Amino acid sequence: MRIVSLLPSATEIVCALGLRDELVGISHCCDFPPEIEGVAVVTRPRSGGDRSHGPHPFLDNEIGPAELDVEALRIARPDLVIVRDSAGGADIGRRQVRDALGESEGDPVIVSLDPVSVEGIFHSITTIGAMAEAEDDAMELLEALREELGDLEQHVVARRDEGIRAPRVAMLQALEPPFASGRWVPELVRRAGGWDVLGREGEAASPVDWETIRDVDPEMLLIAPLGMRLPAAKRVFARTQLPEFWHDIEAVRRGRVFIVEPVYFERPGPRVVDGLGMLAEIFDSDGFVETSPPGSWTPVTE
């Protein structure tokens, strides 16, 4: 089967299912796992400075405003194309792929994924497995992910029984302006033993002002700007104009502000479980040791 993935998360799932050799096309934002180097890139950033996704184009879309490289897509001759159809139609979805391929290119299966929860992410894995005729591999991957998730959650419960209290957390998925976390991210915070005081499970990330952040006064503040990696996130935070009352926020006073690798939270794929392990370690470093991917977070020191 010839697979084209227009989502970084789907590319990760395809490779986790052992289907790398069947991957014939990816988006320009697909960068993991390293084995995808050399696969044809069939999208490019949309030119002209389009801001149709608002001030933070990656909040609603894993690849931001983009357009198809029609010729590259046709050359790939896909049997299966994995996309995301947004409510506003701003993503490269099924219609755009059908229009690009035309009737002469056959009739590939086009699957749209848009999970909003951890269980939805797991469903995406089974969907890709079914469409790619890799159901057994999908079930094996899910079993491993559920086991890892279950072990982390059981330890969180054990720590609660020992008297460890859930910290009040604010997780920001953008900074200029700030956006509170959404979709599966507040769920990850909860499962890891925290309480996201601003995020809303299953809903889109939402703008929030610094005054509101001050008013909820989180004990921990996590920064994970979407669409960038940790070094860039650190640079963005360093140049962010922070409010005058920054040091009045409890998390800042306590020295509990952290910049975390955004990729573990922005992509609805297998690595969200690694993100949960990262959060558990940040929330309770005595109870969770080396459950984070190496080099995946850093405290803010001032």
Protein backbone atom coordinates (compact mmCIF):
# COMPACT_ATOMS: atom_id res chain seq x y z
CA MET A 1 0.00 0.00 0.00
CA ARG A 2 1.20 3.51 -0.85
CA ILE A 3 0.48 5.92 2.05
CA VAL A 4 0.57 9.72 2.07
CA SER A 5 0.32 11.39 5.49
CA LEU A 6 -0.47 15.10 5.65
CA LEU A 7 -0.29 15.11 9.47
CA PRO A 8 2.89 14.78 11.55
CA SER A 9 0.98 12.75 14.14
CA ALA A 10 -0.28 10.33 11.49
CA THR A 11 3.24 9.99 10.10
CA GLU A 12 4.40 8.98 13.57
CA ILE A 13 1.57 6.47 13.85
CA VAL A 14 2.29 4.97 10.42
CA CYS A 15 5.95 4.46 11.36
CA ALA A 16 5.07 3.11 14.81
CA LEU A 17 2.98 0.47 13.03
CA GLY A 18 6.02 -0.62 11.04
CA LEU A 19 4.77 0.87 7.77
CA ARG A 20 7.65 3.22 6.99
CA ASP A 21 8.38 1.47 3.70
CA GLU A 22 4.80 2.11 2.57
CA LEU A 23 5.04 5.87 3.25
CA VAL A 24 5.41 7.69 -0.08
CA GLY A 25 4.46 11.24 0.91
CA ILE A 26 4.48 13.48 4.00
CA SER A 27 3.81 17.10 4.97
CA HIS A 28 6.54 19.70 5.25
CA CYS A 29 6.15 19.62 9.06
CA CYS A 30 6.69 15.87 9.42
CA ASP A 31 10.04 15.44 11.19
CA PHE A 32 9.74 12.25 13.25
CA PRO A 33 10.89 9.52 13.35
CA PRO A 34 14.27 10.15 11.69
CA GLU A 35 13.69 7.27 9.29
CA ILE A 36 11.27 9.39 7.24
CA GLU A 37 14.18 11.36 5.78
CA GLY A 38 13.99 11.05 2.03
CA VAL A 39 10.23 10.59 1.81
CA ALA A 40 8.65 12.95 -0.72
CA VAL A 41 7.22 16.16 0.78
CA VAL A 42 3.82 16.98 -0.76
CA THR A 43 2.86 20.19 1.09
CA ARG A 44 4.45 23.59 1.60
CA PRO A 45 3.67 26.60 3.82
CA ARG A 46 0.98 28.79 2.33
CA SER A 47 2.56 31.86 0.76
CA GLY A 48 1.44 35.44 1.14
CA GLY A 49 1.42 35.68 4.93
CA ASP A 50 -2.05 34.18 5.29
CA ARG A 51 -3.36 34.62 8.84
CA SER A 52 -6.64 32.76 8.43
CA HIS A 53 -5.81 30.70 11.49
CA GLY A 54 -5.45 33.80 13.64
CA PRO A 55 -2.32 34.90 15.55
CA HIS A 56 -1.28 31.30 16.28
CA PRO A 57 -1.71 29.25 13.09
CA PHE A 58 -0.69 25.96 14.72
CA LEU A 59 -3.42 26.05 17.36
CA ASP A 60 -5.96 24.49 15.00
CA ASN A 61 -3.69 22.60 12.62
CA GLU A 62 -0.54 20.52 13.00
CA ILE A 63 1.09 22.07 9.93
CA GLY A 64 -0.32 25.61 10.01
CA PRO A 65 -1.56 27.31 6.85
CA ALA A 66 -0.38 25.10 3.99
CA GLU A 67 -1.02 24.16 0.41
CA LEU A 68 -0.58 20.97 -1.58
CA ASP A 69 2.26 20.38 -3.98
CA VAL A 70 -0.11 18.89 -6.53
CA GLU A 71 2.58 17.49 -8.80
CA ALA A 72 4.37 15.77 -5.89
CA LEU A 73 1.09 14.30 -4.66
CA ARG A 74 0.27 12.92 -8.10
CA ILE A 75 3.72 11.41 -8.49
CA ALA A 76 3.24 9.65 -5.11
CA ARG A 77 0.21 7.77 -6.53
CA PRO A 78 -1.26 7.12 -3.06
CA ASP A 79 -3.65 4.34 -2.13
CA LEU A 80 -4.32 5.95 1.26
CA VAL A 81 -4.15 9.65 2.19
CA ILE A 82 -4.45 10.79 5.82
CA VAL A 83 -5.73 14.34 6.35
CA ARG A 84 -7.58 16.55 8.79
CA ASP A 85 -10.81 18.29 7.82
CA SER A 86 -11.39 21.35 10.02
CA ALA A 87 -14.80 22.85 10.66
CA GLY A 88 -13.73 26.01 8.87
CA GLY A 89 -12.23 24.17 5.93
CA ALA A 90 -8.84 25.86 6.34
CA ASP A 91 -6.85 22.60 6.43
CA ILE A 92 -5.80 20.48 3.48
CA GLY A 93 -8.72 18.06 3.67
CA ARG A 94 -10.47 15.46 1.61
CA ARG A 95 -11.89 17.88 -0.95
CA GLN A 96 -8.52 19.46 -1.69
CA VAL A 97 -6.87 16.06 -2.10
CA ARG A 98 -9.63 14.81 -4.41
CA ASP A 99 -9.44 17.98 -6.50
CA ALA A 100 -5.66 17.69 -6.75
CA LEU A 101 -5.64 14.05 -7.80
CA GLY A 102 -8.54 14.21 -10.21
CA GLU A 103 -10.35 11.25 -11.70
CA SER A 104 -7.38 10.13 -13.76
CA GLU A 105 -5.34 9.35 -10.65
CA GLY A 106 -7.61 6.57 -9.42
CA ASP A 107 -9.63 6.63 -6.25
CA PRO A 108 -7.43 6.50 -3.13
CA VAL A 109 -8.97 6.09 0.30
CA ILE A 110 -8.89 9.44 2.14
CA VAL A 111 -9.15 9.30 5.93
CA SER A 112 -9.70 12.39 8.09
CA LEU A 113 -8.52 12.35 11.72
CA ASP A 114 -9.34 14.95 14.36
CA PRO A 115 -9.11 13.51 17.89
CA VAL A 116 -9.82 15.70 20.93
CA SER A 117 -9.01 13.20 23.71
CA VAL A 118 -6.50 10.50 24.58
CA GLU A 119 -9.05 7.83 23.69
CA GLY A 120 -9.62 9.62 20.39
CA ILE A 121 -5.88 9.46 19.72
CA PHE A 122 -5.96 5.73 20.37
CA HIS A 123 -8.90 5.44 17.99
CA SER A 124 -6.80 7.18 15.33
CA ILE A 125 -4.22 4.43 15.71
CA THR A 126 -6.81 1.70 15.18
CA THR A 127 -8.26 3.61 12.22
CA ILE A 128 -4.92 3.86 10.47
CA GLY A 129 -4.20 0.24 11.30
CA ALA A 130 -7.48 -0.85 9.76
CA MET A 131 -7.09 1.27 6.63
CA ALA A 132 -3.48 0.17 6.13
CA GLU A 133 -4.24 -3.50 6.74
CA ALA A 134 -2.13 -3.51 9.90
CA GLU A 135 -4.78 -4.26 12.51
CA ASP A 136 -2.60 -6.64 14.53
CA ASP A 137 0.25 -4.12 14.70
CA ALA A 138 -2.21 -1.42 15.78
CA MET A 139 -3.56 -3.59 18.60
CA GLU A 140 -0.01 -4.41 19.73
CA LEU A 141 0.94 -0.73 19.78
CA LEU A 142 -2.23 0.19 21.68
CA GLU A 143 -1.62 -2.54 24.23
CA ALA A 144 1.86 -1.15 24.93
CA LEU A 145 0.60 2.45 25.15
CA ARG A 146 -2.28 1.53 27.45
CA GLU A 147 0.06 -0.46 29.69
CA GLU A 148 2.47 2.47 29.99
CA LEU A 149 -0.40 4.89 30.59
CA GLY A 150 -1.95 2.58 33.18
CA ASP A 151 1.33 2.20 35.08
CA LEU A 152 1.75 5.97 35.28
CA GLU A 153 -1.82 6.54 36.43
CA GLN A 154 -1.64 3.82 39.06
CA HIS A 155 1.46 5.44 40.49
CA VAL A 156 -0.29 8.82 40.52
CA VAL A 157 -3.12 7.25 42.56
CA ALA A 158 -0.60 5.65 44.93
CA ARG A 159 1.07 9.00 45.49
CA ARG A 160 -2.32 10.57 46.24
CA ASP A 161 -2.89 7.88 48.84
CA GLU A 162 0.43 8.88 50.36
CA GLY A 163 -0.83 12.45 50.73
CA ILE A 164 0.68 14.10 47.65
CA ARG A 165 -1.72 16.85 46.59
CA ALA A 166 -2.55 17.69 42.97
CA PRO A 167 -0.84 20.97 42.04
CA ARG A 168 -2.85 23.75 40.43
CA VAL A 169 -1.38 24.13 36.96
CA ALA A 170 -1.74 26.58 34.09
CA MET A 171 -0.43 25.28 30.79
CA LEU A 172 -0.03 27.82 28.01
CA GLN A 173 0.11 26.67 24.39
CA ALA A 174 0.95 30.14 23.06
CA LEU A 175 2.36 33.31 24.57
CA GLU A 176 1.64 36.33 22.36
CA PRO A 177 -1.16 36.46 23.33
CA PRO A 178 -1.39 33.61 25.86
CA PHE A 179 -3.64 30.63 25.07
CA ALA A 180 -4.83 28.16 27.70
CA SER A 181 -4.48 24.51 26.77
CA GLY A 182 -7.23 22.53 25.09
CA ARG A 183 -8.27 19.21 23.53
CA TRP A 184 -6.33 16.31 25.09
CA VAL A 185 -3.80 18.47 26.97
CA PRO A 186 -5.86 19.24 30.12
CA GLU A 187 -6.67 15.52 30.21
CA LEU A 188 -2.95 14.70 30.19
CA VAL A 189 -2.45 17.18 33.04
CA ARG A 190 -5.21 15.49 35.04
CA ARG A 191 -4.00 11.96 34.38
CA ALA A 192 -0.46 12.99 35.35
CA GLY A 193 -1.67 14.18 38.75
CA GLY A 194 -2.26 17.88 38.19
CA TRP A 195 -5.24 20.21 37.92
CA ASP A 196 -5.29 22.51 34.89
CA VAL A 197 -7.07 25.58 36.22
CA LEU A 198 -7.57 27.17 32.79
CA GLY A 199 -7.63 24.39 30.19
CA ARG A 200 -10.83 22.76 28.98
CA GLU A 201 -10.80 19.08 28.08
CA GLY A 202 -12.05 18.29 24.61
CA GLU A 203 -12.29 21.95 23.55
CA ALA A 204 -9.97 24.08 21.48
CA ALA A 205 -7.16 26.03 23.09
CA SER A 206 -8.53 29.44 24.04
CA PRO A 207 -7.07 32.93 24.49
CA VAL A 208 -6.56 34.12 28.05
CA ASP A 209 -5.15 37.36 29.42
CA TRP A 210 -2.38 37.66 31.97
CA GLU A 211 -4.79 39.16 34.50
CA THR A 212 -6.82 35.96 34.46
CA ILE A 213 -3.68 33.91 34.93
CA ARG A 214 -2.80 36.10 37.90
CA ASP A 215 -6.28 35.71 39.34
CA VAL A 216 -6.27 31.88 39.21
CA ASP A 217 -2.73 32.06 40.67
CA PRO A 218 -1.39 28.66 39.56
CA GLU A 219 1.22 26.86 41.63
CA MET A 220 2.91 25.72 38.42
CA LEU A 221 3.10 27.42 35.04
CA LEU A 222 3.99 25.35 31.98
CA ILE A 223 4.90 26.95 28.65
CA ALA A 224 4.50 24.85 25.47
CA PRO A 225 4.13 27.12 22.41
CA LEU A 226 2.75 25.11 19.51
CA GLY A 227 4.52 24.82 16.18
CA MET A 228 8.07 24.98 17.54
CA ARG A 229 10.62 22.86 19.35
CA LEU A 230 12.07 23.43 22.81
CA PRO A 231 15.02 25.71 21.84
CA ALA A 232 12.67 27.99 19.88
CA ALA A 233 10.15 27.92 22.74
CA LYS A 234 12.88 29.12 25.09
CA ARG A 235 13.77 31.97 22.74
CA VAL A 236 10.12 32.99 22.38
CA PHE A 237 9.67 33.05 26.15
CA ALA A 238 12.87 35.10 26.57
CA ARG A 239 11.53 37.86 24.31
CA THR A 240 7.93 37.77 25.56
CA GLN A 241 6.75 40.97 27.21
CA LEU A 242 5.70 39.68 30.63
CA PRO A 243 3.20 41.63 32.77
CA GLU A 244 4.35 43.95 35.52
CA PHE A 245 2.77 41.64 38.08
CA TRP A 246 4.66 38.58 36.79
CA HIS A 247 6.42 38.03 40.12
CA ASP A 248 3.10 38.16 41.98
CA ILE A 249 2.04 34.84 40.43
CA GLU A 250 2.59 31.98 42.87
CA ALA A 251 4.30 29.73 40.30
CA VAL A 252 6.83 32.49 39.58
CA ARG A 253 7.44 33.22 43.27
CA ARG A 254 8.04 29.53 43.89
CA GLY A 255 10.35 29.13 40.91
CA ARG A 256 7.97 26.61 39.34
CA VAL A 257 7.74 27.88 35.78
CA PHE A 258 8.78 25.35 33.16
CA ILE A 259 9.22 25.40 29.39
CA VAL A 260 8.32 21.98 28.01
CA GLU A 261 8.90 20.40 24.62
CA PRO A 262 5.69 21.29 22.73
CA VAL A 263 5.82 18.30 20.36
CA TYR A 264 4.66 15.93 23.12
CA PHE A 265 1.43 17.89 23.49
CA GLU A 266 0.61 19.27 20.06
CA ARG A 267 0.63 16.02 18.09
CA PRO A 268 -2.12 13.48 18.74
CA GLY A 269 0.06 10.43 18.33
CA PRO A 270 1.92 7.81 20.40
CA ARG A 271 4.22 10.34 22.06
CA VAL A 272 1.40 11.89 24.12
CA VAL A 273 2.07 9.09 26.63
CA ASP A 274 5.67 10.34 26.87
CA GLY A 275 4.19 13.79 27.49
CA LEU A 276 2.15 12.41 30.36
CA GLY A 277 5.30 10.91 31.87
CA MET A 278 7.00 14.29 31.55
CA LEU A 279 4.18 16.05 33.36
CA ALA A 280 4.14 13.45 36.14
CA GLU A 281 7.84 14.02 36.76
CA ILE A 282 7.44 17.82 36.79
CA PHE A 283 4.47 17.64 39.18
CA ASP A 284 6.04 15.10 41.55
CA SER A 285 9.77 14.72 41.03
CA ASP A 286 10.15 12.60 44.16
CA GLY A 287 7.59 10.07 43.00
CA PHE A 288 8.48 9.98 39.30
CA VAL A 289 12.12 9.65 38.33
CA GLU A 290 13.25 9.79 34.68
CA THR A 291 9.75 9.34 33.29
CA SER A 292 10.41 12.30 30.97
CA PRO A 293 12.00 11.96 27.54
CA PRO A 294 15.61 13.19 27.91
CA GLY A 295 16.01 16.95 27.58
CA SER A 296 12.30 17.54 27.16
CA TRP A 297 11.77 20.33 29.70
CA THR A 298 13.65 23.04 31.53
CA PRO A 299 12.85 25.29 34.49
CA VAL A 300 12.78 29.03 33.99
CA THR A 301 15.44 30.67 36.14
CA GLU A 302 15.47 34.40 36.74
